[in-house]
Each structure stands twice: as C-alpha cells, then as structure tokens.
Amino acid sequence: MEHEKNDSQYIENKDEELLEDPKKSQAGKKFLLGFFDLIKTVVLIAVLTYAIRLFVIQPFIVEGQSMEPSFRNSDYLITEKISLRMRQIGRGEIVIFHPPENTEINYIKRVVGLPGDTINLKNGKVMLNGKQLGEPYLSSNDQTSSVGNQGFTATLKEGEYFVMGDNRSHSRDSRELGAIPLHNIVSRVWFRLLPINNVRAFAAVSYGQLP
C-alpha cells in the first residue's frame, strides 16, 4: 500500500507539472511570434531599401577633380533615377553614367550636347550648332580643347549625349569616350548632402537663347 501511495503522489506531482506547461508554451509562442515579426520587419526594410536604391535614388561619392569647381573629391551626392523614365535629359544637367568601354564603373559629368546637336571645339571654346556656348560653371581661365589639341566635331544621333567635366583640363569625357548612349546613363545628380556646410540642390543650367 505504501508503494501505491508513493505512486499516487508521483502521479499527482506529475499532473501539477503538466498544469504549468501551457503557460510556458504560451510564453514561448509569444517569443517566437515576436521574433518572426522582427525578422519580417527587417526583411521588409531591406527589400524596400534595395528597391528604392535600384529604381529611385542612389548615393554617389565623388572621386577625383574632373568636376571642380562644382564638385570636390569626396563630396557625397544623392542622385535620382526615376525622372530618366519620365522626361528627357536637359542640357546642363549633371549625370552619372557608365563609360561605353566599362559598364562596371561610374563617371560624373555635365550634359553639354543633346541628340541632334553638333559640337565643335574651337579656340578653347565649345561651339554648339555653330554658336559659342556660354558656360558659367567653368573657371574663368579654363579652356576646352580636344584630345591632342586636334580639331573636333561631333554630331549626335538619336539617344546620344555629349558630356564633359567642368574641370576641362582634368576630365576624361566625350572628347575621348565619344557620345554616351542614353542606356548608359544611370541617374541625375539631385543634391549634395556632404560636406554639411555645402549642401545644395542641382538642376539644369540656363543657357539663355540657344540655337
């Protein structure tokens, strides 16, 4: 009988332990649900960030001096992509593009010539469709010469753009690369975020009356 009593106590104790399990199970479920919610939130944020960077905006850090004085080395820019699908690129806008020879790298230059334009470099100046193009973003003593100081003329076809750096003597651009196809243009420069004391937005330059 004593043996049976011990068994009965053991069973009763076991039942008491089983009564505690639902609480532990519920706490575990709450923890797992919270953990899964956190994972879903992180994944959603990562997907949205990737989508925004792929289709809408993209940061860009300037390397080199080809766009001085407009941009300096290490300037942190925010560029946007979506308007490339909504409107044509404007003359004077600053774009990020892949050079035709290497689509793995990015260049930053200013659009000078649009489809249908004829660009001629003459006496250190840019001639656009037979008339001199005034370029207020250049340093006063900057001259625009062709590679090897040879005569240069280019007529742009549909979907082609002529781009140059603002620092003409230290820029590898359409004078050497040739015209840039539209599909090589990645984004437009929207604004400069850093350095913080030089934050500003960028838009197409007004050239006044053009031919």
N, C-alpha and C. Protein backbone atom coordinates (compact mmCIF):
# COMPACT_ATOMS: atom_id res chain seq x y z
N MET A 1 0.83 -1.21 0.00
CA MET A 1 0.00 0.00 0.00
C MET A 1 0.86 1.25 0.00
N GLU A 2 1.93 1.15 0.70
CA GLU A 2 2.84 2.31 0.74
C GLU A 2 3.40 2.58 -0.64
N HIS A 3 3.67 1.51 -1.35
CA HIS A 3 4.18 1.66 -2.71
C HIS A 3 3.14 2.35 -3.60
N GLU A 4 1.88 1.93 -3.43
CA GLU A 4 0.83 2.54 -4.23
C GLU A 4 0.66 4.01 -3.85
N LYS A 5 0.82 4.35 -2.59
CA LYS A 5 0.70 5.74 -2.16
C LYS A 5 1.79 6.60 -2.78
N ASN A 6 2.96 6.07 -2.82
CA ASN A 6 4.07 6.81 -3.45
C ASN A 6 3.79 7.04 -4.92
N ASP A 7 3.24 6.00 -5.57
CA ASP A 7 2.93 6.15 -6.99
C ASP A 7 1.87 7.22 -7.18
N SER A 8 0.89 7.25 -6.26
CA SER A 8 -0.17 8.24 -6.36
C SER A 8 0.38 9.64 -6.18
N GLN A 9 1.29 9.82 -5.25
CA GLN A 9 1.92 11.13 -5.05
C GLN A 9 2.72 11.53 -6.27
N TYR A 10 3.38 10.55 -6.84
CA TYR A 10 4.19 10.83 -8.03
C TYR A 10 3.30 11.30 -9.17
N ILE A 11 2.17 10.60 -9.33
CA ILE A 11 1.25 10.98 -10.41
C ILE A 11 0.66 12.35 -10.16
N GLU A 12 0.31 12.64 -8.91
CA GLU A 12 -0.26 13.96 -8.60
C GLU A 12 0.76 15.06 -8.88
N ASN A 13 2.00 14.84 -8.48
CA ASN A 13 3.05 15.82 -8.74
C ASN A 13 3.26 16.02 -10.24
N LYS A 14 3.17 14.91 -10.96
CA LYS A 14 3.35 14.98 -12.41
C LYS A 14 2.24 15.80 -13.04
N ASP A 15 1.00 15.59 -12.52
CA ASP A 15 -0.12 16.36 -13.03
C ASP A 15 0.06 17.85 -12.77
N GLU A 16 0.60 18.19 -11.61
CA GLU A 16 0.84 19.60 -11.29
C GLU A 16 1.85 20.21 -12.25
N GLU A 17 2.87 19.42 -12.59
CA GLU A 17 3.86 19.93 -13.54
C GLU A 17 3.22 20.15 -14.91
N LEU A 18 2.34 19.23 -15.31
CA LEU A 18 1.68 19.36 -16.60
C LEU A 18 0.79 20.59 -16.65
N LEU A 19 0.22 20.96 -15.54
CA LEU A 19 -0.63 22.15 -15.50
C LEU A 19 0.18 23.42 -15.74
N GLU A 20 1.47 23.40 -15.50
CA GLU A 20 2.32 24.57 -15.71
C GLU A 20 2.79 24.69 -17.17
N ASP A 21 2.77 23.63 -17.91
CA ASP A 21 3.29 23.63 -19.28
C ASP A 21 2.59 24.61 -20.22
N PRO A 22 1.24 24.72 -20.20
CA PRO A 22 0.59 25.66 -21.11
C PRO A 22 1.09 27.09 -20.96
N LYS A 23 1.40 27.51 -19.76
CA LYS A 23 1.91 28.87 -19.56
C LYS A 23 3.28 29.04 -20.21
N LYS A 24 4.12 28.00 -20.00
CA LYS A 24 5.46 28.07 -20.60
C LYS A 24 5.36 28.04 -22.12
N SER A 25 4.46 27.20 -22.60
CA SER A 25 4.28 27.09 -24.04
C SER A 25 3.78 28.40 -24.64
N GLN A 26 2.85 29.06 -23.94
CA GLN A 26 2.31 30.33 -24.42
C GLN A 26 3.39 31.41 -24.45
N ALA A 27 4.23 31.43 -23.42
CA ALA A 27 5.33 32.41 -23.40
C ALA A 27 6.31 32.15 -24.54
N GLY A 28 6.57 30.86 -24.81
CA GLY A 28 7.47 30.51 -25.91
C GLY A 28 6.90 30.92 -27.24
N LYS A 29 5.58 30.70 -27.41
CA LYS A 29 4.94 31.10 -28.66
C LYS A 29 4.99 32.62 -28.86
N LYS A 30 4.76 33.36 -27.78
CA LYS A 30 4.83 34.82 -27.88
C LYS A 30 6.22 35.28 -28.28
N PHE A 31 7.23 34.62 -27.70
CA PHE A 31 8.61 34.98 -28.05
C PHE A 31 8.89 34.70 -29.52
N LEU A 32 8.44 33.51 -29.99
CA LEU A 32 8.68 33.15 -31.39
C LEU A 32 7.93 34.09 -32.34
N LEU A 33 6.69 34.42 -31.99
CA LEU A 33 5.92 35.34 -32.83
C LEU A 33 6.58 36.71 -32.90
N GLY A 34 7.05 37.18 -31.74
CA GLY A 34 7.75 38.47 -31.72
C GLY A 34 9.02 38.43 -32.54
N PHE A 35 9.73 37.31 -32.44
CA PHE A 35 10.98 37.16 -33.20
C PHE A 35 10.71 37.13 -34.71
N PHE A 36 9.68 36.39 -35.11
CA PHE A 36 9.32 36.32 -36.52
C PHE A 36 8.85 37.68 -37.05
N ASP A 37 8.12 38.42 -36.23
CA ASP A 37 7.69 39.77 -36.62
C ASP A 37 8.90 40.68 -36.84
N LEU A 38 9.88 40.54 -35.97
CA LEU A 38 11.10 41.33 -36.11
C LEU A 38 11.82 40.98 -37.41
N ILE A 39 11.93 39.67 -37.69
CA ILE A 39 12.59 39.22 -38.92
C ILE A 39 11.85 39.76 -40.15
N LYS A 40 10.52 39.67 -40.13
CA LYS A 40 9.73 40.17 -41.26
C LYS A 40 9.93 41.66 -41.46
N THR A 41 10.00 42.41 -40.36
CA THR A 41 10.22 43.86 -40.46
C THR A 41 11.58 44.17 -41.05
N VAL A 42 12.61 43.46 -40.60
CA VAL A 42 13.97 43.68 -41.11
C VAL A 42 14.04 43.35 -42.60
N VAL A 43 13.42 42.22 -42.99
CA VAL A 43 13.42 41.82 -44.40
C VAL A 43 12.67 42.84 -45.25
N LEU A 44 11.53 43.32 -44.76
CA LEU A 44 10.74 44.31 -45.49
C LEU A 44 11.54 45.60 -45.69
N ILE A 45 12.20 46.04 -44.63
CA ILE A 45 13.02 47.26 -44.73
C ILE A 45 14.15 47.06 -45.73
N ALA A 46 14.78 45.88 -45.70
CA ALA A 46 15.87 45.59 -46.63
C ALA A 46 15.38 45.59 -48.07
N VAL A 47 14.22 44.97 -48.31
CA VAL A 47 13.66 44.92 -49.66
C VAL A 47 13.30 46.32 -50.15
N LEU A 48 12.65 47.11 -49.29
CA LEU A 48 12.29 48.47 -49.68
C LEU A 48 13.52 49.32 -49.96
N THR A 49 14.54 49.17 -49.11
CA THR A 49 15.79 49.91 -49.32
C THR A 49 16.43 49.55 -50.65
N TYR A 50 16.45 48.25 -50.94
CA TYR A 50 17.04 47.79 -52.21
C TYR A 50 16.24 48.33 -53.40
N ALA A 51 14.90 48.27 -53.29
CA ALA A 51 14.05 48.74 -54.38
C ALA A 51 14.22 50.24 -54.62
N ILE A 52 14.27 51.00 -53.52
CA ILE A 52 14.46 52.46 -53.64
C ILE A 52 15.79 52.76 -54.29
N ARG A 53 16.84 52.05 -53.86
CA ARG A 53 18.17 52.29 -54.42
C ARG A 53 18.25 51.84 -55.88
N LEU A 54 17.53 50.78 -56.23
CA LEU A 54 17.58 50.26 -57.58
C LEU A 54 16.79 51.12 -58.56
N PHE A 55 15.64 51.65 -58.12
CA PHE A 55 14.73 52.31 -59.05
C PHE A 55 14.54 53.81 -58.80
N VAL A 56 14.87 54.32 -57.63
CA VAL A 56 14.52 55.70 -57.30
C VAL A 56 15.75 56.57 -57.04
N ILE A 57 16.47 56.34 -55.97
CA ILE A 57 17.62 57.18 -55.63
C ILE A 57 18.84 56.31 -55.35
N GLN A 58 20.00 56.95 -55.48
CA GLN A 58 21.25 56.24 -55.21
C GLN A 58 22.31 57.24 -54.74
N PRO A 59 23.01 56.93 -53.67
CA PRO A 59 24.11 57.82 -53.23
C PRO A 59 25.32 57.64 -54.14
N PHE A 60 26.15 58.68 -54.19
CA PHE A 60 27.34 58.65 -55.03
C PHE A 60 28.40 59.52 -54.38
N ILE A 61 29.61 59.00 -54.27
CA ILE A 61 30.73 59.76 -53.71
C ILE A 61 31.67 60.16 -54.84
N VAL A 62 31.94 61.45 -54.94
CA VAL A 62 32.81 61.96 -56.00
C VAL A 62 34.24 61.53 -55.74
N GLU A 63 34.87 61.03 -56.78
CA GLU A 63 36.29 60.69 -56.71
C GLU A 63 37.03 61.45 -57.81
N GLY A 64 38.04 62.20 -57.42
CA GLY A 64 38.81 62.94 -58.41
C GLY A 64 38.38 64.39 -58.53
N GLN A 65 38.99 65.07 -59.49
CA GLN A 65 38.80 66.51 -59.63
C GLN A 65 38.18 66.93 -60.97
N SER A 66 37.61 65.98 -61.70
CA SER A 66 37.12 66.30 -63.04
C SER A 66 35.92 67.24 -63.06
N MET A 67 35.22 67.37 -61.92
CA MET A 67 34.05 68.26 -61.90
C MET A 67 34.27 69.51 -61.07
N GLU A 68 35.50 69.79 -60.69
CA GLU A 68 35.78 71.05 -60.00
C GLU A 68 35.55 72.23 -60.95
N PRO A 69 35.07 73.36 -60.45
CA PRO A 69 34.81 73.70 -59.04
C PRO A 69 33.41 73.31 -58.54
N SER A 70 32.58 72.71 -59.40
CA SER A 70 31.21 72.37 -58.99
C SER A 70 31.18 71.32 -57.90
N PHE A 71 32.05 70.31 -58.02
CA PHE A 71 32.14 69.24 -57.03
C PHE A 71 33.59 68.97 -56.69
N ARG A 72 33.81 68.64 -55.43
CA ARG A 72 35.15 68.33 -54.95
C ARG A 72 35.26 66.85 -54.62
N ASN A 73 36.48 66.37 -54.54
CA ASN A 73 36.72 64.99 -54.15
C ASN A 73 36.06 64.69 -52.81
N SER A 74 35.38 63.57 -52.72
CA SER A 74 34.70 63.06 -51.52
C SER A 74 33.35 63.73 -51.26
N ASP A 75 32.88 64.62 -52.12
CA ASP A 75 31.51 65.13 -51.97
C ASP A 75 30.54 63.95 -52.01
N TYR A 76 29.54 64.00 -51.12
CA TYR A 76 28.55 62.91 -51.04
C TYR A 76 27.26 63.41 -51.68
N LEU A 77 26.88 62.76 -52.79
CA LEU A 77 25.74 63.21 -53.56
C LEU A 77 24.58 62.22 -53.47
N ILE A 78 23.37 62.74 -53.62
CA ILE A 78 22.19 61.91 -53.79
C ILE A 78 21.72 62.09 -55.22
N THR A 79 21.64 60.99 -55.95
CA THR A 79 21.19 61.05 -57.34
C THR A 79 19.84 60.34 -57.46
N GLU A 80 19.08 60.73 -58.47
CA GLU A 80 17.76 60.11 -58.65
C GLU A 80 17.64 59.50 -60.05
N LYS A 81 16.89 58.41 -60.11
CA LYS A 81 16.79 57.64 -61.35
C LYS A 81 15.42 57.75 -62.02
N ILE A 82 14.39 57.97 -61.22
CA ILE A 82 13.03 57.80 -61.73
C ILE A 82 12.69 58.79 -62.84
N SER A 83 13.24 60.02 -62.79
CA SER A 83 12.90 61.02 -63.81
C SER A 83 13.48 60.67 -65.18
N LEU A 84 14.48 59.79 -65.22
CA LEU A 84 15.01 59.36 -66.52
C LEU A 84 13.94 58.65 -67.34
N ARG A 85 12.96 58.06 -66.66
CA ARG A 85 11.86 57.36 -67.34
C ARG A 85 10.68 58.27 -67.60
N MET A 86 10.74 59.51 -67.09
CA MET A 86 9.59 60.39 -67.18
C MET A 86 9.81 61.60 -68.08
N ARG A 87 11.06 62.02 -68.23
CA ARG A 87 11.32 63.19 -69.07
C ARG A 87 12.71 63.08 -69.68
N GLN A 88 12.95 63.91 -70.70
CA GLN A 88 14.24 63.90 -71.37
C GLN A 88 15.31 64.55 -70.52
N ILE A 89 16.54 64.17 -70.75
CA ILE A 89 17.67 64.79 -70.06
C ILE A 89 17.88 66.19 -70.62
N GLY A 90 18.11 67.14 -69.73
CA GLY A 90 18.28 68.53 -70.16
C GLY A 90 19.74 68.92 -70.30
N ARG A 91 19.99 69.85 -71.18
CA ARG A 91 21.34 70.38 -71.33
C ARG A 91 21.77 71.07 -70.04
N GLY A 92 22.98 70.81 -69.62
CA GLY A 92 23.48 71.42 -68.39
C GLY A 92 23.24 70.59 -67.15
N GLU A 93 22.45 69.52 -67.25
CA GLU A 93 22.24 68.64 -66.10
C GLU A 93 23.49 67.79 -65.87
N ILE A 94 23.68 67.39 -64.61
CA ILE A 94 24.83 66.57 -64.24
C ILE A 94 24.33 65.14 -64.06
N VAL A 95 25.02 64.22 -64.71
CA VAL A 95 24.55 62.84 -64.71
C VAL A 95 25.66 61.88 -64.27
N ILE A 96 25.22 60.72 -63.80
CA ILE A 96 26.10 59.59 -63.52
C ILE A 96 25.90 58.59 -64.65
N PHE A 97 26.99 58.09 -65.21
CA PHE A 97 26.86 57.16 -66.33
C PHE A 97 28.00 56.15 -66.33
N HIS A 98 27.79 55.08 -67.08
CA HIS A 98 28.84 54.10 -67.32
C HIS A 98 29.53 54.45 -68.64
N PRO A 99 30.84 54.55 -68.66
CA PRO A 99 31.52 54.74 -69.94
C PRO A 99 31.30 53.52 -70.82
N PRO A 100 31.15 53.71 -72.13
CA PRO A 100 30.85 52.57 -73.02
C PRO A 100 31.84 51.42 -72.91
N GLU A 101 33.09 51.72 -72.57
CA GLU A 101 34.12 50.69 -72.53
C GLU A 101 34.08 49.83 -71.27
N ASN A 102 33.40 50.32 -70.22
CA ASN A 102 33.39 49.61 -68.94
C ASN A 102 32.13 49.97 -68.16
N THR A 103 31.15 49.09 -68.22
CA THR A 103 29.88 49.37 -67.56
C THR A 103 29.90 49.04 -66.07
N GLU A 104 31.06 48.70 -65.54
CA GLU A 104 31.19 48.39 -64.12
C GLU A 104 31.57 49.61 -63.28
N ILE A 105 31.94 50.71 -63.95
CA ILE A 105 32.37 51.91 -63.22
C ILE A 105 31.43 53.06 -63.52
N ASN A 106 31.46 54.09 -62.67
CA ASN A 106 30.60 55.26 -62.81
C ASN A 106 31.44 56.51 -63.04
N TYR A 107 30.97 57.36 -63.95
CA TYR A 107 31.55 58.68 -64.16
C TYR A 107 30.49 59.73 -63.83
N ILE A 108 30.94 60.90 -63.43
CA ILE A 108 30.04 62.03 -63.23
C ILE A 108 30.48 63.15 -64.18
N LYS A 109 29.57 63.64 -65.02
CA LYS A 109 29.87 64.71 -65.97
C LYS A 109 28.62 65.55 -66.20
N ARG A 110 28.82 66.64 -66.93
CA ARG A 110 27.71 67.53 -67.27
C ARG A 110 27.31 67.31 -68.73
N VAL A 111 26.00 67.27 -68.96
CA VAL A 111 25.49 67.11 -70.32
C VAL A 111 25.60 68.44 -71.07
N VAL A 112 26.33 68.41 -72.17
CA VAL A 112 26.51 69.63 -72.98
C VAL A 112 25.76 69.52 -74.30
N GLY A 113 25.78 68.35 -74.91
CA GLY A 113 25.12 68.16 -76.19
C GLY A 113 23.99 67.16 -76.11
N LEU A 114 22.87 67.48 -76.80
CA LEU A 114 21.69 66.62 -76.84
C LEU A 114 21.56 65.97 -78.21
N PRO A 115 20.71 64.96 -78.34
CA PRO A 115 20.51 64.33 -79.65
C PRO A 115 20.21 65.35 -80.74
N GLY A 116 20.93 65.24 -81.86
CA GLY A 116 20.75 66.16 -82.98
C GLY A 116 21.70 67.34 -82.98
N ASP A 117 22.37 67.61 -81.86
CA ASP A 117 23.32 68.73 -81.77
C ASP A 117 24.62 68.40 -82.50
N THR A 118 25.26 69.47 -82.97
CA THR A 118 26.62 69.37 -83.49
C THR A 118 27.54 70.14 -82.57
N ILE A 119 28.54 69.47 -82.04
CA ILE A 119 29.51 70.05 -81.12
C ILE A 119 30.82 70.25 -81.85
N ASN A 120 31.35 71.47 -81.73
CA ASN A 120 32.65 71.77 -82.31
C ASN A 120 33.49 72.49 -81.27
N LEU A 121 34.72 72.04 -81.09
CA LEU A 121 35.65 72.69 -80.16
C LEU A 121 36.60 73.56 -80.96
N LYS A 122 36.58 74.86 -80.63
CA LYS A 122 37.34 75.82 -81.44
C LYS A 122 37.90 76.91 -80.55
N ASN A 123 39.21 77.12 -80.63
CA ASN A 123 39.89 78.17 -79.86
C ASN A 123 39.59 78.10 -78.36
N GLY A 124 39.53 76.89 -77.85
CA GLY A 124 39.30 76.71 -76.42
C GLY A 124 37.86 76.89 -75.99
N LYS A 125 36.94 77.02 -76.94
CA LYS A 125 35.53 77.23 -76.63
C LYS A 125 34.69 76.09 -77.22
N VAL A 126 33.48 75.95 -76.65
CA VAL A 126 32.54 74.96 -77.16
C VAL A 126 31.56 75.65 -78.09
N MET A 127 31.51 75.18 -79.32
CA MET A 127 30.57 75.72 -80.31
C MET A 127 29.42 74.72 -80.42
N LEU A 128 28.22 75.20 -80.18
CA LEU A 128 27.03 74.36 -80.24
C LEU A 128 26.19 74.79 -81.42
N ASN A 129 26.07 73.92 -82.40
CA ASN A 129 25.31 74.22 -83.62
C ASN A 129 25.74 75.54 -84.25
N GLY A 130 27.06 75.77 -84.21
CA GLY A 130 27.63 76.93 -84.89
C GLY A 130 27.77 78.17 -84.03
N LYS A 131 27.28 78.15 -82.79
CA LYS A 131 27.37 79.32 -81.91
C LYS A 131 28.06 78.96 -80.60
N GLN A 132 28.79 79.93 -80.05
CA GLN A 132 29.53 79.66 -78.82
C GLN A 132 28.58 79.43 -77.66
N LEU A 133 28.89 78.41 -76.88
CA LEU A 133 28.07 78.07 -75.71
C LEU A 133 28.67 78.73 -74.48
N GLY A 134 27.91 79.61 -73.84
CA GLY A 134 28.36 80.22 -72.59
C GLY A 134 28.21 79.24 -71.44
N GLU A 135 29.30 79.04 -70.68
CA GLU A 135 29.29 78.04 -69.61
C GLU A 135 29.69 78.68 -68.28
N PRO A 136 28.72 79.13 -67.50
CA PRO A 136 29.01 79.87 -66.26
C PRO A 136 29.65 79.03 -65.16
N TYR A 137 29.61 77.72 -65.27
CA TYR A 137 30.14 76.84 -64.24
C TYR A 137 31.64 76.59 -64.38
N LEU A 138 32.25 77.06 -65.48
CA LEU A 138 33.68 76.86 -65.68
C LEU A 138 34.49 77.94 -64.97
N SER A 139 35.71 77.60 -64.56
CA SER A 139 36.63 78.60 -64.05
C SER A 139 36.98 79.57 -65.18
N SER A 140 37.26 80.80 -64.83
CA SER A 140 37.46 81.85 -65.84
C SER A 140 38.60 81.55 -66.81
N ASN A 141 39.61 80.83 -66.34
CA ASN A 141 40.77 80.56 -67.20
C ASN A 141 40.74 79.18 -67.84
N ASP A 142 39.62 78.45 -67.70
CA ASP A 142 39.54 77.08 -68.22
C ASP A 142 39.27 77.10 -69.72
N GLN A 143 40.05 76.33 -70.45
CA GLN A 143 39.90 76.21 -71.89
C GLN A 143 39.44 74.80 -72.23
N THR A 144 38.60 74.70 -73.26
CA THR A 144 38.10 73.39 -73.69
C THR A 144 38.81 72.99 -74.97
N SER A 145 39.74 72.07 -74.84
CA SER A 145 40.47 71.61 -76.02
C SER A 145 40.17 70.13 -76.25
N SER A 146 40.42 69.66 -77.45
CA SER A 146 40.20 68.25 -77.76
C SER A 146 41.44 67.45 -77.42
N VAL A 147 41.31 66.13 -77.44
CA VAL A 147 42.45 65.27 -77.17
C VAL A 147 43.52 65.50 -78.22
N GLY A 148 44.73 65.83 -77.77
CA GLY A 148 45.82 66.12 -78.70
C GLY A 148 45.71 67.47 -79.37
N ASN A 149 44.77 68.29 -78.88
CA ASN A 149 44.57 69.63 -79.45
C ASN A 149 44.28 69.60 -80.94
N GLN A 150 43.64 68.53 -81.37
CA GLN A 150 43.25 68.42 -82.77
C GLN A 150 41.84 68.99 -82.94
N GLY A 151 41.50 69.29 -84.16
CA GLY A 151 40.15 69.77 -84.43
C GLY A 151 39.12 68.71 -84.05
N PHE A 152 38.00 69.16 -83.52
CA PHE A 152 37.00 68.19 -83.04
C PHE A 152 35.60 68.65 -83.44
N THR A 153 34.86 67.75 -84.07
CA THR A 153 33.46 67.98 -84.40
C THR A 153 32.70 66.68 -84.23
N ALA A 154 31.54 66.76 -83.61
CA ALA A 154 30.70 65.57 -83.43
C ALA A 154 29.24 65.95 -83.58
N THR A 155 28.52 65.16 -84.35
CA THR A 155 27.08 65.32 -84.48
C THR A 155 26.41 64.14 -83.81
N LEU A 156 25.51 64.44 -82.88
CA LEU A 156 24.91 63.40 -82.05
C LEU A 156 23.68 62.79 -82.71
N LYS A 157 23.61 61.47 -82.62
CA LYS A 157 22.47 60.74 -83.15
C LYS A 157 21.36 60.66 -82.10
N GLU A 158 20.25 60.08 -82.47
CA GLU A 158 19.14 59.89 -81.54
C GLU A 158 19.61 59.03 -80.37
N GLY A 159 19.29 59.48 -79.15
CA GLY A 159 19.66 58.72 -77.96
C GLY A 159 21.11 58.87 -77.56
N GLU A 160 21.82 59.87 -78.09
CA GLU A 160 23.22 60.10 -77.74
C GLU A 160 23.39 61.45 -77.05
N TYR A 161 24.35 61.51 -76.11
CA TYR A 161 24.60 62.73 -75.35
C TYR A 161 26.10 63.00 -75.29
N PHE A 162 26.43 64.29 -75.35
CA PHE A 162 27.84 64.70 -75.26
C PHE A 162 28.04 65.27 -73.87
N VAL A 163 28.96 64.66 -73.11
CA VAL A 163 29.17 65.06 -71.72
C VAL A 163 30.62 65.48 -71.52
N MET A 164 30.81 66.45 -70.62
CA MET A 164 32.16 66.89 -70.27
C MET A 164 32.23 67.24 -68.79
N GLY A 165 33.43 67.12 -68.22
CA GLY A 165 33.65 67.55 -66.85
C GLY A 165 33.82 69.06 -66.81
N ASP A 166 33.48 69.66 -65.68
CA ASP A 166 33.63 71.12 -65.55
C ASP A 166 35.09 71.53 -65.46
N ASN A 167 35.95 70.62 -65.04
CA ASN A 167 37.39 70.89 -65.00
C ASN A 167 37.98 70.32 -66.29
N ARG A 168 37.88 71.09 -67.36
CA ARG A 168 38.13 70.57 -68.70
C ARG A 168 39.54 70.00 -68.91
N SER A 169 40.52 70.56 -68.23
CA SER A 169 41.89 70.08 -68.42
C SER A 169 42.19 68.80 -67.63
N HIS A 170 41.24 68.36 -66.77
CA HIS A 170 41.44 67.16 -65.96
C HIS A 170 40.21 66.27 -66.02
N SER A 171 39.67 66.10 -67.20
CA SER A 171 38.45 65.31 -67.33
C SER A 171 38.53 64.38 -68.54
N ARG A 172 38.21 63.13 -68.30
CA ARG A 172 38.07 62.15 -69.38
C ARG A 172 36.58 62.04 -69.69
N ASP A 173 36.19 62.53 -70.85
CA ASP A 173 34.77 62.64 -71.15
C ASP A 173 34.51 62.35 -72.63
N SER A 174 33.44 62.92 -73.19
CA SER A 174 33.06 62.60 -74.56
C SER A 174 34.10 63.02 -75.59
N ARG A 175 35.00 63.91 -75.23
CA ARG A 175 36.08 64.27 -76.15
C ARG A 175 36.96 63.06 -76.44
N GLU A 176 37.02 62.14 -75.47
CA GLU A 176 37.81 60.91 -75.63
C GLU A 176 36.93 59.67 -75.74
N LEU A 177 35.84 59.65 -74.95
CA LEU A 177 34.98 58.47 -74.91
C LEU A 177 33.99 58.41 -76.06
N GLY A 178 33.71 59.57 -76.64
CA GLY A 178 32.66 59.65 -77.64
C GLY A 178 31.31 59.92 -76.99
N ALA A 179 30.27 59.91 -77.82
CA ALA A 179 28.92 60.17 -77.32
C ALA A 179 28.49 59.06 -76.37
N ILE A 180 27.68 59.43 -75.38
CA ILE A 180 27.20 58.47 -74.38
C ILE A 180 25.76 58.08 -74.71
N PRO A 181 25.50 56.79 -74.92
CA PRO A 181 24.12 56.35 -75.18
C PRO A 181 23.23 56.55 -73.96
N LEU A 182 21.98 56.79 -74.20
CA LEU A 182 21.03 57.02 -73.11
C LEU A 182 21.01 55.84 -72.14
N HIS A 183 21.11 54.62 -72.66
CA HIS A 183 21.01 53.46 -71.76
C HIS A 183 22.23 53.32 -70.85
N ASN A 184 23.28 54.09 -71.09
CA ASN A 184 24.45 54.07 -70.20
C ASN A 184 24.31 55.08 -69.06
N ILE A 185 23.33 55.97 -69.16
CA ILE A 185 23.14 56.98 -68.12
C ILE A 185 22.34 56.37 -66.98
N VAL A 186 22.89 56.46 -65.77
CA VAL A 186 22.33 55.77 -64.60
C VAL A 186 21.37 56.66 -63.83
N SER A 187 21.76 57.93 -63.61
CA SER A 187 20.94 58.80 -62.77
C SER A 187 21.34 60.26 -62.97
N ARG A 188 20.49 61.15 -62.46
CA ARG A 188 20.77 62.58 -62.43
C ARG A 188 21.23 62.97 -61.02
N VAL A 189 22.13 63.93 -60.94
CA VAL A 189 22.52 64.43 -59.62
C VAL A 189 21.39 65.31 -59.10
N TRP A 190 20.94 64.99 -57.90
CA TRP A 190 19.81 65.68 -57.28
C TRP A 190 20.31 66.75 -56.31
N PHE A 191 21.06 66.33 -55.28
CA PHE A 191 21.62 67.32 -54.37
C PHE A 191 22.88 66.78 -53.70
N ARG A 192 23.66 67.70 -53.18
CA ARG A 192 24.86 67.35 -52.42
C ARG A 192 24.50 67.34 -50.95
N LEU A 193 24.78 66.23 -50.28
CA LEU A 193 24.45 66.06 -48.87
C LEU A 193 25.63 66.40 -47.96
N LEU A 194 26.82 66.09 -48.41
CA LEU A 194 28.04 66.37 -47.66
C LEU A 194 29.11 66.95 -48.59
N PRO A 195 29.93 67.89 -48.08
CA PRO A 195 30.02 68.34 -46.68
C PRO A 195 28.79 69.16 -46.27
N ILE A 196 28.50 69.12 -44.99
CA ILE A 196 27.26 69.70 -44.49
C ILE A 196 27.20 71.20 -44.70
N ASN A 197 28.37 71.86 -44.78
CA ASN A 197 28.38 73.31 -44.98
C ASN A 197 28.25 73.69 -46.45
N ASN A 198 28.07 72.69 -47.32
CA ASN A 198 27.95 72.98 -48.75
C ASN A 198 26.79 72.21 -49.36
N VAL A 199 25.72 72.00 -48.58
CA VAL A 199 24.54 71.29 -49.07
C VAL A 199 23.81 72.18 -50.08
N ARG A 200 23.43 71.59 -51.21
CA ARG A 200 22.64 72.33 -52.19
C ARG A 200 22.04 71.37 -53.20
N ALA A 201 20.97 71.82 -53.86
CA ALA A 201 20.33 71.05 -54.91
C ALA A 201 20.88 71.49 -56.27
N PHE A 202 20.76 70.60 -57.25
CA PHE A 202 21.28 70.89 -58.59
C PHE A 202 20.19 70.65 -59.63
N ALA A 203 20.19 71.53 -60.61
CA ALA A 203 19.23 71.41 -61.72
C ALA A 203 19.95 71.79 -63.01
N ALA A 204 19.24 71.73 -64.11
CA ALA A 204 19.83 72.10 -65.39
C ALA A 204 20.22 73.57 -65.40
N VAL A 205 21.32 73.87 -66.06
CA VAL A 205 21.79 75.25 -66.18
C VAL A 205 20.99 75.97 -67.26
N SER A 206 20.68 77.22 -67.02
CA SER A 206 20.00 78.03 -68.03
C SER A 206 21.05 78.68 -68.93
N TYR A 207 21.03 78.33 -70.20
CA TYR A 207 21.99 78.88 -71.16
C TYR A 207 21.42 80.07 -71.94
N GLY A 208 20.25 80.50 -71.60
CA GLY A 208 19.64 81.60 -72.35
C GLY A 208 19.19 81.13 -73.72
N GLN A 209 19.33 82.00 -74.70
CA GLN A 209 18.92 81.68 -76.07
C GLN A 209 19.97 80.78 -76.73
N LEU A 210 19.54 79.59 -77.11
CA LEU A 210 20.44 78.65 -77.77
C LEU A 210 19.95 78.38 -79.17
N PRO A 211 20.90 78.07 -80.07
CA PRO A 211 20.49 77.77 -81.45
C PRO A 211 19.68 76.47 -81.52
